[in-house]
């Protein structure tokens, strides 16, 4: 399955200068948050693929103007074309805001999904906004990853753990893809094509 991953920064060739070739063959679009709702709504006009999203830490505007034609999967385990996808939006709490969580709060959110994970026999893709701790995160509190995500990866071994939040321009040593056991850990900042 060809999956288009998006996060944080709208891709100009998918919005301002639409290149339809980039959407050819895409069967699913996953957004890791912090993208304009208009961008995601725009893409629904050019691909029949479902567009699923979670909230980034700057997505308060989605409360009044959500992306049209897209599905929010925050705090849900959904099955799309046979792929089990778990959505956990938000980042480490560094200021007041609806999509910011302490480590303890995020661990509670993950625990609440245990029964669903057991019922579905695991998960194929974990879609988050924040990275996992020391797997593509940064040193400052705002961009620090969650330790519970590392435990989630180790226990359930999804095929992919996809996040955003840490932009390419934040680090001189930016690495888009890394491995944790059998799991591909992918930073979707901008856009990335995943073949599963």
Protein backbone atom coordinates (compact mmCIF):
# COMPACT_ATOMS: atom_id res chain seq x y z
CA UNK A 1 0.00 0.00 0.00
CA UNK A 2 1.30 3.44 -0.95
CA UNK A 3 0.78 5.88 1.95
CA UNK A 4 1.39 9.62 1.86
CA UNK A 5 2.62 10.90 5.23
CA UNK A 6 2.27 14.60 6.07
CA UNK A 7 3.23 16.81 9.01
CA UNK A 8 3.91 20.39 10.12
CA UNK A 9 4.88 22.06 6.83
CA UNK A 10 2.61 22.07 3.75
CA UNK A 11 4.41 20.65 0.72
CA UNK A 12 4.35 23.33 -2.03
CA UNK A 13 4.11 20.75 -4.84
CA UNK A 14 0.95 19.38 -3.21
CA UNK A 15 -0.67 22.74 -2.52
CA UNK A 16 0.60 25.95 -4.13
CA UNK A 17 1.93 24.25 -7.26
CA UNK A 18 -0.10 21.05 -7.31
CA UNK A 19 1.74 18.20 -8.99
CA UNK A 20 -0.89 15.47 -9.32
CA UNK A 21 1.83 12.90 -10.08
CA UNK A 22 2.78 13.00 -6.39
CA UNK A 23 -0.69 11.66 -5.53
CA UNK A 24 -0.74 8.95 -8.17
CA UNK A 25 -1.23 5.51 -6.65
CA UNK A 26 -1.63 6.88 -3.11
CA UNK A 27 -4.16 4.71 -1.26
CA UNK A 28 -4.06 6.43 2.13
CA UNK A 29 -3.02 9.83 3.49
CA UNK A 30 -1.95 10.21 7.14
CA UNK A 31 -1.40 13.61 8.76
CA UNK A 32 0.65 13.93 11.95
CA UNK A 33 -0.73 17.39 12.73
CA UNK A 34 0.12 21.09 12.69
CA UNK A 35 -1.08 21.54 9.13
CA UNK A 36 -3.66 24.07 7.93
CA UNK A 37 -7.12 22.50 7.73
CA UNK A 38 -7.48 24.08 4.28
CA UNK A 39 -4.45 22.12 3.04
CA UNK A 40 -5.92 18.76 4.05
CA UNK A 41 -9.36 19.73 2.71
CA UNK A 42 -7.75 20.78 -0.58
CA UNK A 43 -6.12 17.37 -0.96
CA UNK A 44 -9.49 15.61 -0.68
CA UNK A 45 -10.36 17.15 -4.05
CA UNK A 46 -7.41 15.48 -5.79
CA UNK A 47 -7.21 12.01 -4.30
CA UNK A 48 -9.85 9.37 -3.58
CA UNK A 49 -7.63 8.07 -0.76
CA UNK A 50 -8.98 8.48 2.77
CA UNK A 51 -7.23 11.27 4.72
CA UNK A 52 -6.81 10.55 8.43
CA UNK A 53 -5.33 13.01 10.88
CA UNK A 54 -4.40 13.58 14.49
CA UNK A 55 -3.86 16.87 16.33
CA UNK A 56 -0.56 18.66 16.58
CA UNK A 57 0.14 21.07 19.42
CA UNK A 58 -0.94 24.03 17.24
CA UNK A 59 -4.25 22.58 16.03
CA UNK A 60 -6.66 24.44 18.33
CA UNK A 61 -8.16 25.95 15.17
CA UNK A 62 -9.45 22.48 14.19
CA UNK A 63 -12.02 22.77 16.98
CA UNK A 64 -13.97 25.38 15.00
CA UNK A 65 -12.67 24.66 11.46
CA UNK A 66 -11.69 20.98 11.10
CA UNK A 67 -10.35 19.65 7.79
CA UNK A 68 -13.38 18.91 5.62
CA UNK A 69 -13.68 15.43 4.19
CA UNK A 70 -11.02 14.07 6.54
CA UNK A 71 -11.29 11.81 9.59
CA UNK A 72 -9.76 12.52 12.99
CA UNK A 73 -8.37 9.35 14.58
CA UNK A 74 -6.96 10.88 17.77
CA UNK A 75 -7.23 8.33 20.61
CA UNK A 76 -8.59 5.71 18.23
CA UNK A 77 -7.48 2.42 16.73
CA UNK A 78 -8.96 2.17 13.25
CA UNK A 79 -8.65 -0.42 10.50
CA UNK A 80 -8.26 0.92 6.97
CA UNK A 81 -7.81 -1.51 4.08
CA UNK A 82 -6.56 -4.11 6.54
CA UNK A 83 -4.04 -1.79 8.25
CA UNK A 84 -4.48 -1.24 11.99
CA UNK A 85 -3.67 2.42 12.76
CA UNK A 86 -3.46 3.97 16.23
CA UNK A 87 -3.67 7.77 16.51
CA UNK A 88 -2.15 9.68 19.44
CA UNK A 89 -1.84 13.41 18.79
CA UNK A 90 -0.23 16.16 20.84
CA UNK A 91 3.19 16.82 22.31
CA UNK A 92 4.98 17.17 25.63
CA UNK A 93 3.37 19.87 27.78
CA UNK A 94 5.51 23.01 27.66
CA UNK A 95 2.71 25.61 28.01
CA UNK A 96 -1.05 25.53 28.49
CA UNK A 97 -2.92 24.09 25.54
CA UNK A 98 -5.42 21.38 24.64
CA UNK A 99 -3.01 19.13 22.74
CA UNK A 100 -0.13 19.06 25.22
CA UNK A 101 0.41 16.28 27.73
CA UNK A 102 2.71 15.28 30.55
CA UNK A 103 4.45 11.92 30.28
CA UNK A 104 1.95 10.54 32.78
CA UNK A 105 -1.06 11.82 30.82
CA UNK A 106 0.23 10.31 27.58
CA UNK A 107 0.94 7.00 29.33
CA UNK A 108 -2.68 6.98 30.51
CA UNK A 109 -3.90 7.56 26.94
CA UNK A 110 -1.78 4.66 25.72
CA UNK A 111 -3.03 2.36 28.53
CA UNK A 112 -6.61 3.12 27.53
CA UNK A 113 -5.88 1.60 24.11
CA UNK A 114 -4.55 -1.72 25.48
CA UNK A 115 -7.85 -3.57 25.15
CA UNK A 116 -8.34 -2.36 21.57
CA UNK A 117 -4.76 -3.38 20.72
CA UNK A 118 -5.33 -6.84 22.20
CA UNK A 119 -8.69 -7.19 20.43
CA UNK A 120 -7.13 -6.32 17.06
CA UNK A 121 -4.03 -8.43 17.60
CA UNK A 122 -1.67 -5.45 17.62
CA UNK A 123 -1.11 -2.44 15.41
CA UNK A 124 0.57 -1.80 12.05
CA UNK A 125 1.04 1.99 12.19
CA UNK A 126 1.25 4.25 15.22
CA UNK A 127 0.54 7.84 14.13
CA UNK A 128 1.68 10.52 16.58
CA UNK A 129 2.59 14.18 16.50
CA UNK A 130 5.45 14.02 19.00
CA UNK A 131 8.35 11.63 18.51
CA UNK A 132 9.37 8.84 20.84
CA UNK A 133 12.05 9.64 23.43
CA UNK A 134 15.53 9.64 21.83
CA UNK A 135 14.11 8.47 18.49
CA UNK A 136 14.18 11.71 16.53
CA UNK A 137 13.27 14.09 19.32
CA UNK A 138 15.16 17.17 20.49
CA UNK A 139 16.63 18.35 23.80
CA UNK A 140 14.16 21.15 24.62
CA UNK A 141 10.98 20.29 26.53
CA UNK A 142 8.69 21.36 23.69
CA UNK A 143 10.26 18.83 21.31
CA UNK A 144 11.18 16.05 23.73
CA UNK A 145 9.67 12.69 22.86
CA UNK A 146 7.52 10.50 25.07
CA UNK A 147 9.11 7.53 26.84
CA UNK A 148 5.79 5.69 26.71
CA UNK A 149 6.05 5.67 22.90
CA UNK A 150 9.30 3.70 23.16
CA UNK A 151 7.53 1.13 25.36
CA UNK A 152 4.62 1.06 22.90
CA UNK A 153 7.00 0.33 20.00
CA UNK A 154 8.87 -2.34 21.96
CA UNK A 155 5.74 -4.12 23.13
CA UNK A 156 3.61 -4.05 19.97
CA UNK A 157 6.31 -3.81 17.27
CA UNK A 158 4.26 -1.91 14.69
CA UNK A 159 5.54 -1.89 11.14
CA UNK A 160 5.82 1.91 11.31
CA UNK A 161 5.84 4.61 13.98
CA UNK A 162 5.13 7.91 12.21
CA UNK A 163 5.52 11.34 13.83
CA UNK A 164 6.12 14.99 13.01
CA UNK A 165 6.78 17.95 15.32
CA UNK A 166 10.58 18.08 14.86
CA UNK A 167 11.14 20.02 11.63
CA UNK A 168 14.05 19.31 9.31
CA UNK A 169 15.34 22.84 9.89
CA UNK A 170 15.57 22.28 13.67
CA UNK A 171 18.56 19.95 13.47
CA UNK A 172 21.69 19.92 11.35
CA UNK A 173 21.78 16.12 11.76
CA UNK A 174 18.11 15.55 10.86
CA UNK A 175 17.39 11.90 10.11
CA UNK A 176 14.04 11.08 8.53
CA UNK A 177 14.01 7.28 8.98
CA UNK A 178 15.51 5.13 11.71
CA UNK A 179 14.81 1.66 13.07
CA UNK A 180 13.77 0.47 16.51
CA UNK A 181 13.81 -3.33 16.32
CA UNK A 182 11.58 -4.19 13.37
CA UNK A 183 9.75 -0.85 13.46
CA UNK A 184 10.47 1.95 10.98
CA UNK A 185 10.43 5.24 12.86
CA UNK A 186 9.60 7.97 10.34
CA UNK A 187 9.56 11.74 10.70
CA UNK A 188 6.84 12.85 8.27
CA UNK A 189 7.70 16.59 8.39
CA UNK A 190 6.72 18.01 5.01
CA UNK A 191 5.81 14.83 3.20
CA UNK A 192 7.09 11.28 2.84
CA UNK A 193 5.88 8.34 0.75
CA UNK A 194 5.70 5.03 2.61
CA UNK A 195 5.20 1.72 0.87
CA UNK A 196 3.82 -0.96 3.19
